Structure formats: structure tokens, C-alpha cells
Protein backbone atom coordinates (compact mmCIF):
# COMPACT_ATOMS: atom_id res chain seq x y z
CA MET A 1 -11.16 31.47 -99.58
CA LYS A 2 -11.72 30.66 -95.92
CA THR A 3 -12.45 33.40 -93.44
CA LEU A 4 -10.27 33.11 -90.48
CA LYS A 5 -11.11 33.89 -86.92
CA ILE A 6 -8.56 35.38 -84.61
CA ALA A 7 -9.28 35.74 -80.81
CA ILE A 8 -7.88 38.62 -78.93
CA GLN A 9 -8.28 39.93 -75.32
CA LYS A 10 -11.40 41.92 -74.97
CA SER A 11 -10.07 44.16 -72.42
CA GLY A 12 -6.82 44.28 -70.32
CA ARG A 13 -3.24 44.82 -70.76
CA LEU A 14 -2.86 43.18 -74.29
CA ASN A 15 -6.01 44.58 -75.78
CA GLU A 16 -4.70 47.89 -77.13
CA LYS A 17 -1.43 46.42 -78.54
CA SER A 18 -3.30 43.47 -80.19
CA VAL A 19 -5.76 45.98 -81.98
CA GLU A 20 -2.74 48.11 -82.90
CA ILE A 21 -0.70 45.50 -84.40
CA LEU A 22 -3.74 44.27 -86.49
CA LYS A 23 -4.53 47.83 -87.87
CA ASN A 24 -0.95 48.37 -88.71
CA CYS A 25 -1.27 45.16 -90.81
CA GLY A 26 -3.76 47.26 -92.87
CA LEU A 27 -6.81 45.46 -91.60
CA SER A 28 -9.80 47.66 -91.53
CA PHE A 29 -12.40 47.05 -88.90
CA GLU A 30 -14.75 49.11 -86.56
CA ASN A 31 -16.90 48.77 -83.52
CA TYR A 32 -14.60 46.49 -81.75
CA LYS A 33 -15.13 48.33 -78.39
CA SER A 34 -18.82 47.69 -78.37
CA SER A 35 -19.03 44.02 -79.79
CA LEU A 36 -17.62 40.67 -79.20
CA ILE A 37 -16.93 40.18 -82.85
CA ALA A 38 -15.71 42.42 -85.72
CA SER A 39 -15.43 41.71 -89.41
CA VAL A 40 -12.48 42.88 -91.20
CA ALA A 41 -13.59 44.73 -94.42
CA ASN A 42 -10.42 43.99 -96.62
CA PHE A 43 -9.10 40.57 -95.48
CA PRO A 44 -10.88 37.36 -94.85
CA LEU A 45 -10.91 37.54 -91.17
CA GLU A 46 -13.19 37.86 -88.12
CA ILE A 47 -11.95 39.23 -84.70
CA LEU A 48 -13.34 37.62 -81.52
CA PHE A 49 -12.95 39.56 -78.45
CA LEU A 50 -12.68 37.15 -75.38
CA ARG A 51 -11.45 36.82 -71.85
CA ASP A 52 -7.62 35.94 -72.14
CA ASP A 53 -8.06 32.77 -70.23
CA ASP A 54 -10.40 31.49 -72.84
CA ILE A 55 -8.35 32.25 -75.83
CA PRO A 56 -6.03 29.16 -75.63
CA GLU A 57 -9.00 26.67 -75.39
CA TYR A 58 -10.87 28.58 -78.33
CA VAL A 59 -7.82 28.10 -80.48
CA GLN A 60 -7.20 24.53 -79.44
CA ASP A 61 -10.70 23.42 -80.28
CA GLY A 62 -10.74 25.34 -83.50
CA ILE A 63 -13.31 27.79 -82.69
CA ALA A 64 -10.73 30.43 -83.44
CA ASP A 65 -8.02 29.63 -86.02
CA LEU A 66 -5.49 32.17 -84.32
CA GLY A 67 -5.18 33.86 -81.06
CA ILE A 68 -3.08 36.54 -79.46
CA VAL A 69 -2.53 35.83 -75.87
CA GLY A 70 0.19 35.85 -73.18
CA GLU A 71 2.55 32.79 -73.13
CA ASN A 72 1.97 32.26 -69.55
CA VAL A 73 -1.86 31.99 -70.15
CA ILE A 74 -1.15 29.16 -72.64
CA ILE A 75 1.05 27.20 -70.35
CA GLU A 76 -1.34 27.50 -67.43
CA ALA A 77 -4.25 26.35 -69.67
CA GLY A 78 -2.22 23.37 -71.00
CA ALA A 79 -3.57 24.09 -74.41
CA ASP A 80 -2.16 22.09 -77.36
CA VAL A 81 -1.69 24.85 -80.04
CA SER A 82 1.05 25.91 -82.46
CA TYR A 83 3.20 28.91 -81.64
CA LEU A 84 3.49 31.11 -84.76
CA GLN A 85 5.27 34.36 -83.52
CA PRO A 86 6.30 36.14 -80.50
CA LEU A 87 4.95 39.69 -80.68
CA GLY A 88 7.21 41.75 -78.63
CA PHE A 89 4.63 43.26 -76.39
CA GLY A 90 2.96 42.49 -73.05
CA LYS A 91 6.39 41.43 -71.74
CA CYS A 92 6.23 40.49 -67.99
CA THR A 93 7.94 37.94 -65.41
CA LEU A 94 6.12 35.59 -63.26
CA LYS A 95 7.81 35.70 -59.87
CA ILE A 96 7.65 34.32 -56.34
CA ALA A 97 7.57 37.30 -53.89
CA VAL A 98 7.78 37.27 -50.17
CA GLN A 99 7.18 40.04 -47.51
CA ASN A 100 10.00 42.52 -47.08
CA ASN A 101 10.68 41.31 -43.53
CA SER A 102 10.58 37.62 -44.51
CA ASN A 103 13.40 35.40 -43.36
CA ILE A 104 12.98 33.20 -46.57
CA THR A 105 16.20 33.38 -48.49
CA GLU A 106 16.47 29.92 -50.16
CA LEU A 107 14.01 28.23 -52.37
CA SER A 108 14.16 25.01 -49.95
CA GLN A 109 12.67 27.36 -47.15
CA LEU A 110 9.44 27.36 -49.04
CA ASN A 111 8.93 23.58 -48.06
CA GLY A 112 5.78 23.41 -45.98
CA LYS A 113 4.94 27.10 -46.70
CA ALA A 114 1.69 28.45 -48.35
CA ILE A 115 2.02 30.22 -51.59
CA ALA A 116 -1.03 32.33 -53.18
CA THR A 117 -1.32 32.53 -56.97
CA SER A 118 -3.69 32.51 -59.94
CA TYR A 119 -1.23 30.35 -61.83
CA PRO A 120 -1.32 27.05 -59.89
CA ILE A 121 -0.18 24.89 -62.94
CA ILE A 122 3.01 26.88 -63.73
CA LEU A 123 3.85 27.17 -60.04
CA GLN A 124 3.43 23.35 -59.31
CA LYS A 125 5.68 22.54 -62.19
CA TYR A 126 8.39 24.89 -61.01
CA LEU A 127 8.29 23.54 -57.56
CA SER A 128 8.27 19.87 -58.73
CA GLU A 129 11.22 20.59 -60.64
CA ASN A 130 13.06 22.00 -57.74
CA ASN A 131 11.91 19.45 -55.18
CA VAL A 132 9.93 21.89 -53.14
CA ASP A 133 6.75 20.59 -51.35
CA ALA A 134 4.65 23.82 -50.70
CA GLN A 135 0.92 24.35 -50.33
CA ILE A 136 -0.43 26.18 -53.27
CA ARG A 137 -3.54 28.39 -52.62
CA ASN A 138 -5.27 29.22 -55.91
CA ILE A 139 -6.74 32.67 -55.66
CA SER A 140 -8.52 34.57 -58.45
CA GLY A 141 -7.66 38.21 -58.36
CA SER A 142 -5.40 40.18 -55.95
CA VAL A 143 -3.01 37.69 -54.70
CA GLU A 144 -0.62 40.07 -53.34
CA ILE A 145 -2.77 40.84 -50.38
CA GLY A 146 -2.51 37.00 -49.32
CA PRO A 147 0.63 37.48 -46.97
CA GLY A 148 -0.73 40.66 -45.25
CA LEU A 149 -3.95 38.63 -44.48
CA GLY A 150 -1.96 35.74 -43.25
CA LEU A 151 -3.35 33.60 -45.92
CA SER A 152 0.09 32.65 -47.45
CA ASP A 153 3.76 32.94 -46.71
CA ALA A 154 4.49 33.99 -50.33
CA ILE A 155 2.75 34.81 -53.74
CA PHE A 156 3.45 34.00 -57.27
CA ASP A 157 2.19 36.37 -59.85
CA ILE A 158 2.76 38.36 -62.83
CA VAL A 159 5.29 41.45 -62.37
CA SER A 160 5.65 44.14 -64.75
CA THR A 161 7.15 47.14 -62.95
CA GLY A 162 7.21 45.87 -59.34
CA GLY A 163 4.98 48.72 -58.17
CA THR A 164 2.25 46.52 -56.84
CA LEU A 165 4.64 44.36 -54.88
CA LYS A 166 6.20 47.43 -53.32
CA ASN A 167 2.85 48.95 -52.55
CA ASN A 168 1.99 45.59 -50.60
CA GLY A 169 5.16 45.40 -48.85
CA LEU A 170 6.51 42.50 -50.94
CA LYS A 171 9.69 41.81 -52.57
CA PRO A 172 10.74 39.63 -55.57
CA PHE A 173 12.29 36.37 -54.43
CA LYS A 174 12.52 34.08 -57.56
CA ASN A 175 11.94 34.46 -61.21
CA VAL A 176 10.11 31.58 -62.64
CA MET A 177 9.36 32.47 -66.22
CA ASP A 178 9.35 35.29 -68.82
CA SER A 179 6.16 35.96 -70.86
CA GLN A 180 5.06 38.08 -73.79
CA ALA A 181 2.20 38.12 -76.17
CA VAL A 182 2.50 35.48 -79.01
CA LEU A 183 0.56 34.68 -82.20
CA ILE A 184 -0.88 31.08 -81.99
CA CYS A 185 -3.01 28.97 -84.25
CA SER A 186 -4.92 25.61 -84.25
CA LYS A 187 -2.83 22.56 -84.99
CA GLY A 188 -2.95 21.95 -88.73
CA MET A 189 -3.36 25.62 -89.67
CA GLU A 190 0.27 26.57 -89.82
CA GLN A 191 0.37 26.47 -93.66
CA ASN A 192 -2.99 27.64 -94.58
CA ALA A 193 -2.56 30.53 -97.16
CA GLU A 194 -4.58 33.12 -95.31
CA VAL A 195 -2.56 32.35 -92.06
CA LEU A 196 0.82 32.62 -94.02
CA GLU A 197 -0.33 35.97 -95.66
CA LEU A 198 -1.50 37.44 -92.16
CA MET A 199 1.76 36.35 -90.60
CA GLN A 200 3.76 38.11 -93.31
CA ARG A 201 1.89 41.14 -92.59
CA ILE A 202 2.52 41.01 -88.94
CA GLN A 203 6.29 40.14 -89.28
CA SER A 204 6.60 43.01 -91.74
CA VAL A 205 5.13 45.45 -88.95
CA LEU A 206 7.44 44.06 -86.30
CA ARG A 207 10.53 44.41 -88.36
CA ALA A 208 9.71 47.94 -89.22
CA LYS A 209 9.05 48.77 -85.53
CA ALA A 210 12.41 47.57 -84.53
CA THR A 211 14.29 49.51 -87.26
CA LYS A 212 14.70 53.04 -88.45
CA TYR A 213 15.50 54.77 -91.75
CA VAL A 214 18.48 56.71 -91.48
CA VAL A 215 19.85 59.82 -93.74
CA LEU A 216 22.97 61.38 -93.02
CA ASN A 217 25.60 63.56 -94.87
CA VAL A 218 29.21 62.75 -95.11
CA ALA A 219 32.34 63.97 -97.00
CA LYS A 220 33.50 61.40 -99.52
CA GLU A 221 36.87 60.88 -98.07
CA ASN A 222 34.81 59.61 -94.84
CA LEU A 223 32.42 57.50 -96.78
CA GLN A 224 33.79 54.09 -96.12
CA ALA A 225 34.17 54.74 -92.32
CA VAL A 226 30.58 55.57 -91.93
CA VAL A 227 29.35 52.84 -94.16
CA ASP A 228 31.28 50.32 -92.12
CA LEU A 229 29.27 51.46 -89.17
CA LEU A 230 25.73 51.11 -90.79
CA PRO A 231 24.90 47.20 -91.03
CA GLY A 232 21.53 47.81 -92.74
CA VAL A 233 19.05 45.40 -94.59
CA LYS A 234 21.35 45.63 -97.49
CA SER A 235 24.28 48.17 -98.77
CA PRO A 236 23.32 51.58 -98.06
CA THR A 237 22.15 54.14 -100.86
CA VAL A 238 24.69 56.62 -101.56
CA VAL A 239 23.43 59.86 -103.33
CA PRO A 240 25.75 62.81 -104.43
CA LEU A 241 25.08 66.23 -102.96
CA PHE A 242 25.07 69.40 -104.69
CA GLU A 243 28.04 70.50 -102.80
CA GLU A 244 31.11 68.97 -104.26
CA GLY A 245 32.86 65.97 -102.43
CA TRP A 246 29.81 65.30 -100.30
CA VAL A 247 27.08 62.48 -100.38
CA ALA A 248 23.91 61.56 -98.69
CA VAL A 249 23.85 57.93 -97.21
CA HIS A 250 20.29 56.32 -96.90
CA SER A 251 20.20 53.21 -94.82
CA VAL A 252 17.77 50.94 -92.67
CA ILE A 253 19.38 50.14 -89.31
CA ALA A 254 18.12 48.53 -86.04
CA GLU A 255 17.19 51.11 -83.71
CA GLN A 256 19.30 49.64 -80.82
CA ASP A 257 22.34 49.62 -83.26
CA PHE A 258 21.85 53.10 -84.24
CA TRP A 259 21.80 54.38 -80.50
CA GLU A 260 24.72 52.36 -79.75
CA LYS A 261 26.69 53.82 -82.90
CA ILE A 262 25.53 57.47 -83.11
CA ASN A 263 28.74 58.83 -81.54
CA SER A 264 30.92 56.68 -83.62
CA LEU A 265 29.05 57.84 -86.78
CA LYS A 266 29.58 61.40 -85.75
CA SER A 267 33.27 60.83 -85.00
CA ALA A 268 33.64 59.22 -88.43
CA GLY A 269 32.23 62.38 -90.11
CA ALA A 270 28.46 61.95 -90.42
CA GLN A 271 26.69 65.12 -90.19
CA GLY A 272 23.04 66.24 -90.35
CA ILE A 273 21.60 62.91 -89.34
CA VAL A 274 17.98 62.34 -89.84
CA VAL A 275 16.22 59.24 -88.20
CA MET A 276 12.69 58.37 -89.69
CA PRO A 277 10.11 55.68 -88.50
CA ILE A 278 9.34 52.83 -90.92
CA GLU A 279 5.89 51.62 -91.59
CA LYS A 280 6.43 48.26 -93.07
CA ILE A 281 9.54 46.13 -94.22
CA ILE A 282 8.68 43.33 -96.90
CA THR A 283 11.53 40.72 -97.33
């Protein structure tokens, strides 16, 4: 049995969630905060803790079989890897931003302007696709200070909440791409048995995170109306209650669907609604 290697971010915004999803898959490992490599005790896997910029190349070259990294980092690196699974965390948007008092209102007005960024490849591709000829100034670090220092007329960077832009007198101008953390693997590893098993575990965790286990009570005369509002994994389980004419309905439902339908469920006669988290869903 092959021992896989998976590369994740050593520190930064994806580290905590990457560790969390691996642990939620039932993987047992320790000392990850003080080491560059951790062995998993109950699965043939070693975890490498790297700079996120290095992860795509490590996976491309087969030094790591798998990686968890932002999609934007993969594209910027131009890495030849296989995408296995979007992970639903680390979501952000890469945007062009200008100063609050800027008179730039159209993309064409960036012609001849300077744009500071840490993502020159993604930016150049976008500008070329839109026939814009701007000067790209590649900066490592705090690109948002570029306009204030007179270094650039605009910036291109990751935006999560927009707070950093606001604090530096900037406003979003154009959305270029959305990104999130994804699970990748080296080409040729897609059908490896251990990779497929790890993917199954990760997918079961992701499905569980997006769903809830719902239990509610309803009079039999209102049962069909309530059941029609519960599109779960399969038909809900209906259990008779001690009180004559009443049943308990058990179902699995997408969390978003539940919050959209809770008032309809109550109007249909549902009472004593209990919502519980689910640890895993295996299909």
C-alpha cells in the first residue's frame, strides 16, 4: 500500500480549515504545529506543511501526491495538476481596486496605467482578454499601499471582506475571478486506491457539513403536507408517537433548504422541530 503525501499550507488563512477537514475525515496526527511533516497513524498518509505558493509545484512534480491550496495560487503558478474537489472554504475574489477619488470608471481607462499586484499572471491574462495595455508592477506583500505611495494607479489583489481596501482608501473596481480551496493531485494519481478512499472521506464530511438532521412532530392529518416540504437524502422516516394521531418525522435536509422552509413547515403543522449536525454522510 502506497503512503501518500499531501501538502497543505503551513500557516495562513487555509491552514486551520485544511487541518480541520483532515481531522474530520478520521485521520489521526499530532505535532503538526512544530514540524514540517506529520505522519497519520491510521491511514497511509504523510502531511507536508509548506508555503502555499510552493504547493502546486510540489504536486505537479510528484513530490506530494495531493495538495490543498487556493485555486488562484494554482492558476498563478501555471501548475499542471488534476482538480479533484472544491472544498468550500478559503473563498475570496480577486479584484482590481482603485482609490476612492479615482476618475477611472471604465476598464479601458486602465490603458497606460500602472497596476500593483502579487498575481501578475492572472492579471495579465485578464487584461489581454479585454484588450487593455497596462503596466503591471509585481509586488510581494502589501499591494494596497501602492496607490497611496504613487507607485500605481490601481491594485489587483485578493479581497475577502473588503476591510483592507477600505482602510487604505480603495474601492473595488472589477471582479476578475472567484477562488476557493481545492483538493488537487498529481497527474496519473486520480484513480489511485488510497486517493479515492481519502476523497470519499472528504466528500462525506463536505456533504454532512452542508446538511442537518431534522426531527419534528406532526399530526397524521398534516403528515403529507410536511413530507412534501422535506426533500431529504431519501424518503423521511416516520415513527408513531405515544399520543394517538401524531408521528415523529426524521429527515436529512440541506441546511439552506431548511431555513428557507421552516416557516412553511410550521404553517403545515410541524411542531417541536429539532435540528442536529451530522458528522458524516456516506452514499
